[in-house]
Amino acid sequence: MRAFPAAPLPGPLTGPVADSNGAGDAFVSGFLYGTVRGRSLEECVRLGAAAGAHACTVAGTHESPITESALPATFSR
């Protein structure tokens, strides 16, 4: 078992925490994004955490997915 830190919030690409609905799905999406691109486990987890953190900035179940171009920028922080 390994522990990974959560992505920081808020940041320059995200707003204040509004709701955690969809954060798990967003995490999986970010993780899979890294997986299909051959990234390491650590990178995949960080990409997933960044996508999940972004999802927490949207109220309720409104959709506002992180863009492909913003994900790597968020990941590099």
PDB file of N, CA and C in Angstrom:
ATOM      1  N   MET A   1       0.836  -1.168   0.000  1.00  0.00           N
ATOM      2  CA  MET A   1       0.000   0.000   0.000  1.00  0.00           C
ATOM      3  C   MET A   1       0.889   1.242   0.000  1.00  0.00           C
ATOM      4  N   ARG A   2       0.490   2.237  -0.786  1.00  0.00           N
ATOM      5  CA  ARG A   2       1.231   3.492  -0.873  1.00  0.00           C
ATOM      6  C   ARG A   2       0.265   4.649  -0.718  1.00  0.00           C
ATOM      7  N   ALA A   3       0.734   5.709  -0.135  1.00  0.00           N
ATOM      8  CA  ALA A   3      -0.081   6.918   0.034  1.00  0.00           C
ATOM      9  C   ALA A   3       0.405   7.981  -0.934  1.00  0.00           C
ATOM     10  N   PHE A   4      -0.533   8.751  -1.471  1.00  0.00           N
ATOM     11  CA  PHE A   4      -0.224   9.849  -2.375  1.00  0.00           C
ATOM     12  C   PHE A   4      -0.933  11.095  -1.853  1.00  0.00           C
ATOM     13  N   PRO A   5      -0.297  12.256  -1.914  1.00  0.00           N
ATOM     14  CA  PRO A   5      -0.942  13.482  -1.419  1.00  0.00           C
ATOM     15  C   PRO A   5      -2.063  13.938  -2.350  1.00  0.00           C
ATOM     16  N   ALA A   6      -3.013  14.640  -1.781  1.00  0.00           N
ATOM     17  CA  ALA A   6      -4.083  15.237  -2.585  1.00  0.00           C
ATOM     18  C   ALA A   6      -3.534  16.433  -3.339  1.00  0.00           C
ATOM     19  N   ALA A   7      -4.200  16.785  -4.426  1.00  0.00           N
ATOM     20  CA  ALA A   7      -3.812  17.980  -5.177  1.00  0.00           C
ATOM     21  C   ALA A   7      -4.239  19.210  -4.394  1.00  0.00           C
ATOM     22  N   PRO A   8      -3.427  20.251  -4.388  1.00  0.00           N
ATOM     23  CA  PRO A   8      -3.783  21.459  -3.639  1.00  0.00           C
ATOM     24  C   PRO A   8      -4.956  22.206  -4.267  1.00  0.00           C
ATOM     25  N   LEU A   9      -5.763  22.814  -3.419  1.00  0.00           N
ATOM     26  CA  LEU A   9      -6.884  23.657  -3.851  1.00  0.00           C
ATOM     27  C   LEU A   9      -6.938  24.878  -2.973  1.00  0.00           C
ATOM     28  N   PRO A  10      -7.410  26.016  -3.434  1.00  0.00           N
ATOM     29  CA  PRO A  10      -7.534  26.320  -4.863  1.00  0.00           C
ATOM     30  C   PRO A  10      -6.191  26.683  -5.462  1.00  0.00           C
ATOM     31  N   GLY A  11      -6.140  26.734  -6.762  1.00  0.00           N
ATOM     32  CA  GLY A  11      -4.925  27.095  -7.477  1.00  0.00           C
ATOM     33  C   GLY A  11      -5.257  28.046  -8.606  1.00  0.00           C
ATOM     34  N   PRO A  12      -4.260  28.429  -9.379  1.00  0.00           N
ATOM     35  CA  PRO A  12      -4.508  29.400 -10.449  1.00  0.00           C
ATOM     36  C   PRO A  12      -5.454  28.882 -11.532  1.00  0.00           C
ATOM     37  N   LEU A  13      -5.542  27.568 -11.721  1.00  0.00           N
ATOM     38  CA  LEU A  13      -6.433  27.029 -12.749  1.00  0.00           C
ATOM     39  C   LEU A  13      -7.780  26.609 -12.173  1.00  0.00           C
ATOM     40  N   THR A  14      -7.965  26.723 -10.871  1.00  0.00           N
ATOM     41  CA  THR A  14      -9.212  26.286 -10.259  1.00  0.00           C
ATOM     42  C   THR A  14      -9.732  27.356  -9.321  1.00  0.00           C
ATOM     43  N   GLY A  15     -10.996  27.298  -9.049  1.00  0.00           N
ATOM     44  CA  GLY A  15     -11.607  28.243  -8.132  1.00  0.00           C
ATOM     45  C   GLY A  15     -11.731  27.637  -6.756  1.00  0.00           C
ATOM     46  N   PRO A  16     -12.516  28.270  -5.890  1.00  0.00           N
ATOM     47  CA  PRO A  16     -12.701  27.733  -4.537  1.00  0.00           C
ATOM     48  C   PRO A  16     -13.488  26.420  -4.571  1.00  0.00           C
ATOM     49  N   VAL A  17     -13.343  25.618  -3.547  1.00  0.00           N
ATOM     50  CA  VAL A  17     -14.060  24.340  -3.469  1.00  0.00           C
ATOM     51  C   VAL A  17     -15.549  24.624  -3.381  1.00  0.00           C
ATOM     52  N   ALA A  18     -16.323  24.030  -4.286  1.00  0.00           N
ATOM     53  CA  ALA A  18     -17.762  24.243  -4.325  1.00  0.00           C
ATOM     54  C   ALA A  18     -18.523  22.971  -3.973  1.00  0.00           C
ATOM     55  N   ASP A  19     -18.075  21.812  -4.463  1.00  0.00           N
ATOM     56  CA  ASP A  19     -18.797  20.558  -4.272  1.00  0.00           C
ATOM     57  C   ASP A  19     -17.891  19.408  -4.697  1.00  0.00           C
ATOM     58  N   SER A  20     -18.026  18.270  -4.050  1.00  0.00           N
ATOM     59  CA  SER A  20     -17.173  17.128  -4.399  1.00  0.00           C
ATOM     60  C   SER A  20     -17.852  16.140  -5.351  1.00  0.00           C
ATOM     61  N   ASN A  21     -19.077  16.437  -5.796  1.00  0.00           N
ATOM     62  CA  ASN A  21     -19.739  15.553  -6.764  1.00  0.00           C
ATOM     63  C   ASN A  21     -18.890  15.427  -8.019  1.00  0.00           C
ATOM     64  N   GLY A  22     -18.649  14.210  -8.456  1.00  0.00           N
ATOM     65  CA  GLY A  22     -17.899  13.959  -9.676  1.00  0.00           C
ATOM     66  C   GLY A  22     -16.397  13.902  -9.504  1.00  0.00           C
ATOM     67  N   ALA A  23     -15.907  14.161  -8.303  1.00  0.00           N
ATOM     68  CA  ALA A  23     -14.449  14.165  -8.100  1.00  0.00           C
ATOM     69  C   ALA A  23     -13.842  12.780  -8.326  1.00  0.00           C
ATOM     70  N   GLY A  24     -14.534  11.740  -7.911  1.00  0.00           N
ATOM     71  CA  GLY A  24     -14.026  10.382  -8.110  1.00  0.00           C
ATOM     72  C   GLY A  24     -13.967  10.005  -9.578  1.00  0.00           C
ATOM     73  N   ASP A  25     -15.026  10.331 -10.304  1.00  0.00           N
ATOM     74  CA  ASP A  25     -15.041  10.062 -11.746  1.00  0.00           C
ATOM     75  C   ASP A  25     -13.947  10.853 -12.451  1.00  0.00           C
ATOM     76  N   ALA A  26     -13.763  12.106 -12.036  1.00  0.00           N
ATOM     77  CA  ALA A  26     -12.717  12.929 -12.636  1.00  0.00           C
ATOM     78  C   ALA A  26     -11.339  12.349 -12.327  1.00  0.00           C
ATOM     79  N   PHE A  27     -11.155  11.855 -11.093  1.00  0.00           N
ATOM     80  CA  PHE A  27      -9.881  11.230 -10.732  1.00  0.00           C
ATOM     81  C   PHE A  27      -9.581  10.060 -11.675  1.00  0.00           C
ATOM     82  N   VAL A  28     -10.579   9.202 -11.877  1.00  0.00           N
ATOM     83  CA  VAL A  28     -10.389   8.040 -12.755  1.00  0.00           C
ATOM     84  C   VAL A  28     -10.042   8.505 -14.170  1.00  0.00           C
ATOM     85  N   SER A  29     -10.716   9.533 -14.644  1.00  0.00           N
ATOM     86  CA  SER A  29     -10.435  10.048 -15.989  1.00  0.00           C
ATOM     87  C   SER A  29      -8.996  10.541 -16.108  1.00  0.00           C
ATOM     88  N   GLY A  30      -8.539  11.310 -15.125  1.00  0.00           N
ATOM     89  CA  GLY A  30      -7.160  11.792 -15.143  1.00  0.00           C
ATOM     90  C   GLY A  30      -6.157  10.657 -15.044  1.00  0.00           C
ATOM     91  N   PHE A  31      -6.458   9.684 -14.188  1.00  0.00           N
ATOM     92  CA  PHE A  31      -5.576   8.525 -14.034  1.00  0.00           C
ATOM     93  C   PHE A  31      -5.469   7.753 -15.354  1.00  0.00           C
ATOM     94  N   LEU A  32      -6.614   7.510 -15.990  1.00  0.00           N
ATOM     95  CA  LEU A  32      -6.599   6.784 -17.260  1.00  0.00           C
ATOM     96  C   LEU A  32      -5.921   7.580 -18.372  1.00  0.00           C
ATOM     97  N   TYR A  33      -6.070   8.894 -18.328  1.00  0.00           N
ATOM     98  CA  TYR A  33      -5.378   9.757 -19.290  1.00  0.00           C
ATOM     99  C   TYR A  33      -3.875   9.482 -19.223  1.00  0.00           C
ATOM    100  N   GLY A  34      -3.339   9.432 -18.018  1.00  0.00           N
ATOM    101  CA  GLY A  34      -1.920   9.144 -17.856  1.00  0.00           C
ATOM    102  C   GLY A  34      -1.562   7.723 -18.244  1.00  0.00           C
ATOM    103  N   THR A  35      -2.430   6.785 -17.909  1.00  0.00           N
ATOM    104  CA  THR A  35      -2.182   5.371 -18.205  1.00  0.00           C
ATOM    105  C   THR A  35      -2.050   5.121 -19.698  1.00  0.00           C
ATOM    106  N   VAL A  36      -2.995   5.650 -20.484  1.00  0.00           N
ATOM    107  CA  VAL A  36      -2.947   5.398 -21.929  1.00  0.00           C
ATOM    108  C   VAL A  36      -1.789   6.127 -22.601  1.00  0.00           C
ATOM    109  N   ARG A  37      -1.197   7.072 -21.905  1.00  0.00           N
ATOM    110  CA  ARG A  37      -0.031   7.777 -22.442  1.00  0.00           C
ATOM    111  C   ARG A  37       1.277   7.223 -21.889  1.00  0.00           C
ATOM    112  N   GLY A  38       1.197   6.111 -21.166  1.00  0.00           N
ATOM    113  CA  GLY A  38       2.399   5.442 -20.696  1.00  0.00           C
ATOM    114  C   GLY A  38       3.102   6.103 -19.526  1.00  0.00           C
ATOM    115  N   ARG A  39       2.380   6.930 -18.771  1.00  0.00           N
ATOM    116  CA  ARG A  39       2.986   7.608 -17.616  1.00  0.00           C
ATOM    117  C   ARG A  39       3.181   6.624 -16.466  1.00  0.00           C
ATOM    118  N   SER A  40       4.053   6.964 -15.542  1.00  0.00           N
ATOM    119  CA  SER A  40       4.302   6.124 -14.365  1.00  0.00           C
ATOM    120  C   SER A  40       3.089   6.154 -13.440  1.00  0.00           C
ATOM    121  N   LEU A  41       3.043   5.222 -12.496  1.00  0.00           N
ATOM    122  CA  LEU A  41       1.956   5.188 -11.522  1.00  0.00           C
ATOM    123  C   LEU A  41       1.852   6.507 -10.778  1.00  0.00           C
ATOM    124  N   GLU A  42       2.978   7.043 -10.346  1.00  0.00           N
ATOM    125  CA  GLU A  42       2.985   8.299  -9.600  1.00  0.00           C
ATOM    126  C   GLU A  42       2.402   9.441 -10.427  1.00  0.00           C
ATOM    127  N   GLU A  43       2.786   9.502 -11.686  1.00  0.00           N
ATOM    128  CA  GLU A  43       2.256  10.551 -12.560  1.00  0.00           C
ATOM    129  C   GLU A  43       0.756  10.370 -12.787  1.00  0.00           C
ATOM    130  N   CYS A  44       0.320   9.125 -12.985  1.00  0.00           N
ATOM    131  CA  CYS A  44      -1.105   8.855 -13.194  1.00  0.00           C
ATOM    132  C   CYS A  44      -1.923   9.282 -11.979  1.00  0.00           C
ATOM    133  N   VAL A  45      -1.416   8.995 -10.791  1.00  0.00           N
ATOM    134  CA  VAL A  45      -2.124   9.399  -9.573  1.00  0.00           C
ATOM    135  C   VAL A  45      -2.172  10.920  -9.473  1.00  0.00           C
ATOM    136  N   ARG A  46      -1.089  11.592  -9.775  1.00  0.00           N
ATOM    137  CA  ARG A  46      -1.080  13.064  -9.713  1.00  0.00           C
ATOM    138  C   ARG A  46      -2.022  13.675 -10.748  1.00  0.00           C
ATOM    139  N   LEU A  47      -2.078  13.098 -11.956  1.00  0.00           N
ATOM    140  CA  LEU A  47      -3.020  13.578 -12.966  1.00  0.00           C
ATOM    141  C   LEU A  47      -4.454  13.362 -12.501  1.00  0.00           C
ATOM    142  N   GLY A  48      -4.725  12.201 -11.910  1.00  0.00           N
ATOM    143  CA  GLY A  48      -6.057  11.928 -11.378  1.00  0.00           C
ATOM    144  C   GLY A  48      -6.425  12.887 -10.265  1.00  0.00           C
ATOM    145  N   ALA A  49      -5.486  13.156  -9.376  1.00  0.00           N
ATOM    146  CA  ALA A  49      -5.740  14.085  -8.273  1.00  0.00           C
ATOM    147  C   ALA A  49      -6.010  15.489  -8.789  1.00  0.00           C
ATOM    148  N   ALA A  50      -5.277  15.904  -9.813  1.00  0.00           N
ATOM    149  CA  ALA A  50      -5.498  17.232 -10.392  1.00  0.00           C
ATOM    150  C   ALA A  50      -6.885  17.326 -11.017  1.00  0.00           C
ATOM    151  N   ALA A  51      -7.301  16.298 -11.740  1.00  0.00           N
ATOM    152  CA  ALA A  51      -8.632  16.305 -12.355  1.00  0.00           C
ATOM    153  C   ALA A  51      -9.721  16.270 -11.287  1.00  0.00           C
ATOM    154  N   GLY A  52      -9.527  15.468 -10.245  1.00  0.00           N
ATOM    155  CA  GLY A  52     -10.500  15.407  -9.156  1.00  0.00           C
ATOM    156  C   GLY A  52     -10.605  16.715  -8.408  1.00  0.00           C
ATOM    157  N   ALA A  53      -9.476  17.360  -8.189  1.00  0.00           N
ATOM    158  CA  ALA A  53      -9.478  18.657  -7.511  1.00  0.00           C
ATOM    159  C   ALA A  53     -10.220  19.690  -8.352  1.00  0.00           C
ATOM    160  N   HIS A  54      -9.998  19.663  -9.647  1.00  0.00           N
ATOM    161  CA  HIS A  54     -10.705  20.585 -10.538  1.00  0.00           C
ATOM    162  C   HIS A  54     -12.215  20.379 -10.441  1.00  0.00           C
ATOM    163  N   ALA A  55     -12.652  19.117 -10.384  1.00  0.00           N
ATOM    164  CA  ALA A  55     -14.087  18.824 -10.300  1.00  0.00           C
ATOM    165  C   ALA A  55     -14.711  19.421  -9.038  1.00  0.00           C
ATOM    166  N   CYS A  56     -13.937  19.559  -7.992  1.00  0.00           N
ATOM    167  CA  CYS A  56     -14.449  20.112  -6.731  1.00  0.00           C
ATOM    168  C   CYS A  56     -14.728  21.610  -6.805  1.00  0.00           C
ATOM    169  N   THR A  57     -14.334  22.248  -7.887  1.00  0.00           N
ATOM    170  CA  THR A  57     -14.552  23.690  -8.023  1.00  0.00           C
ATOM    171  C   THR A  57     -15.865  24.022  -8.728  1.00  0.00           C
ATOM    172  N   VAL A  58     -16.620  22.983  -9.118  1.00  0.00           N
ATOM    173  CA  VAL A  58     -17.879  23.179  -9.835  1.00  0.00           C
ATOM    174  C   VAL A  58     -19.042  22.823  -8.913  1.00  0.00           C
ATOM    175  N   ALA A  59     -20.019  23.713  -8.814  1.00  0.00           N
ATOM    176  CA  ALA A  59     -21.172  23.482  -7.940  1.00  0.00           C
ATOM    177  C   ALA A  59     -22.060  22.357  -8.465  1.00  0.00           C
ATOM    178  N   GLY A  60     -22.496  21.489  -7.550  1.00  0.00           N
ATOM    179  CA  GLY A  60     -23.437  20.417  -7.887  1.00  0.00           C
ATOM    180  C   GLY A  60     -22.909  19.483  -8.943  1.00  0.00           C
ATOM    181  N   THR A  61     -23.802  19.123  -9.851  1.00  0.00           N
ATOM    182  CA  THR A  61     -23.419  18.179 -10.901  1.00  0.00           C
ATOM    183  C   THR A  61     -23.250  18.873 -12.253  1.00  0.00           C
ATOM    184  N   HIS A  62     -23.013  20.187 -12.243  1.00  0.00           N
ATOM    185  CA  HIS A  62     -22.750  20.899 -13.493  1.00  0.00           C
ATOM    186  C   HIS A  62     -21.449  20.376 -14.082  1.00  0.00           C
ATOM    187  N   GLU A  63     -21.406  20.267 -15.379  1.00  0.00           N
ATOM    188  CA  GLU A  63     -20.203  19.745 -16.022  1.00  0.00           C
ATOM    189  C   GLU A  63     -19.253  20.876 -16.416  1.00  0.00           C
ATOM    190  N   SER A  64     -18.025  20.729 -16.012  1.00  0.00           N
ATOM    191  CA  SER A  64     -16.963  21.650 -16.395  1.00  0.00           C
ATOM    192  C   SER A  64     -15.647  20.888 -16.322  1.00  0.00           C
ATOM    193  N   PRO A  65     -15.466  19.903 -17.232  1.00  0.00           N
ATOM    194  CA  PRO A  65     -14.267  19.072 -17.152  1.00  0.00           C
ATOM    195  C   PRO A  65     -12.998  19.873 -17.397  1.00  0.00           C
ATOM    196  N   ILE A  66     -11.937  19.424 -16.783  1.00  0.00           N
ATOM    197  CA  ILE A  66     -10.631  20.045 -17.020  1.00  0.00           C
ATOM    198  C   ILE A  66     -10.232  19.713 -18.461  1.00  0.00           C
ATOM    199  N   THR A  67      -9.632  20.661 -19.140  1.00  0.00           N
ATOM    200  CA  THR A  67      -9.254  20.435 -20.536  1.00  0.00           C
ATOM    201  C   THR A  67      -7.953  19.643 -20.614  1.00  0.00           C
ATOM    202  N   GLU A  68      -7.748  19.030 -21.753  1.00  0.00           N
ATOM    203  CA  GLU A  68      -6.522  18.252 -21.943  1.00  0.00           C
ATOM    204  C   GLU A  68      -5.286  19.141 -21.829  1.00  0.00           C
ATOM    205  N   SER A  69      -5.385  20.378 -22.299  1.00  0.00           N
ATOM    206  CA  SER A  69      -4.232  21.270 -22.218  1.00  0.00           C
ATOM    207  C   SER A  69      -3.995  21.762 -20.789  1.00  0.00           C
ATOM    208  N   ALA A  70      -5.055  21.907 -19.990  1.00  0.00           N
ATOM    209  CA  ALA A  70      -4.902  22.373 -18.614  1.00  0.00           C
ATOM    210  C   ALA A  70      -4.428  21.263 -17.677  1.00  0.00           C
ATOM    211  N   LEU A  71      -4.760  20.018 -17.977  1.00  0.00           N
ATOM    212  CA  LEU A  71      -4.387  18.918 -17.092  1.00  0.00           C
ATOM    213  C   LEU A  71      -2.883  18.804 -16.890  1.00  0.00           C
ATOM    214  N   PRO A  72      -2.079  18.742 -17.942  1.00  0.00           N
ATOM    215  CA  PRO A  72      -0.628  18.687 -17.716  1.00  0.00           C
ATOM    216  C   PRO A  72      -0.092  19.933 -17.007  1.00  0.00           C
ATOM    217  N   ALA A  73      -0.670  21.108 -17.273  1.00  0.00           N
ATOM    218  CA  ALA A  73      -0.227  22.323 -16.606  1.00  0.00           C
ATOM    219  C   ALA A  73      -0.530  22.250 -15.113  1.00  0.00           C
ATOM    220  N   THR A  74      -1.690  21.726 -14.770  1.00  0.00           N
ATOM    221  CA  THR A  74      -2.056  21.556 -13.367  1.00  0.00           C
ATOM    222  C   THR A  74      -1.164  20.508 -12.714  1.00  0.00           C
ATOM    223  N   PHE A  75      -0.875  19.452 -13.446  1.00  0.00           N
ATOM    224  CA  PHE A  75      -0.053  18.355 -12.952  1.00  0.00           C
ATOM    225  C   PHE A  75       1.361  18.817 -12.625  1.00  0.00           C
ATOM    226  N   SER A  76       1.870  19.774 -13.376  1.00  0.00           N
ATOM    227  CA  SER A  76       3.261  20.182 -13.197  1.00  0.00           C
ATOM    228  C   SER A  76       3.469  21.087 -11.992  1.00  0.00           C
ATOM    229  N   ARG A  77       2.392  21.558 -11.329  1.00  0.00           N
ATOM    230  CA  ARG A  77       2.544  22.425 -10.158  1.00  0.00           C
ATOM    231  C   ARG A  77       3.111  21.677  -8.991  1.00  0.00           C
TER     232      ARG A  77
END
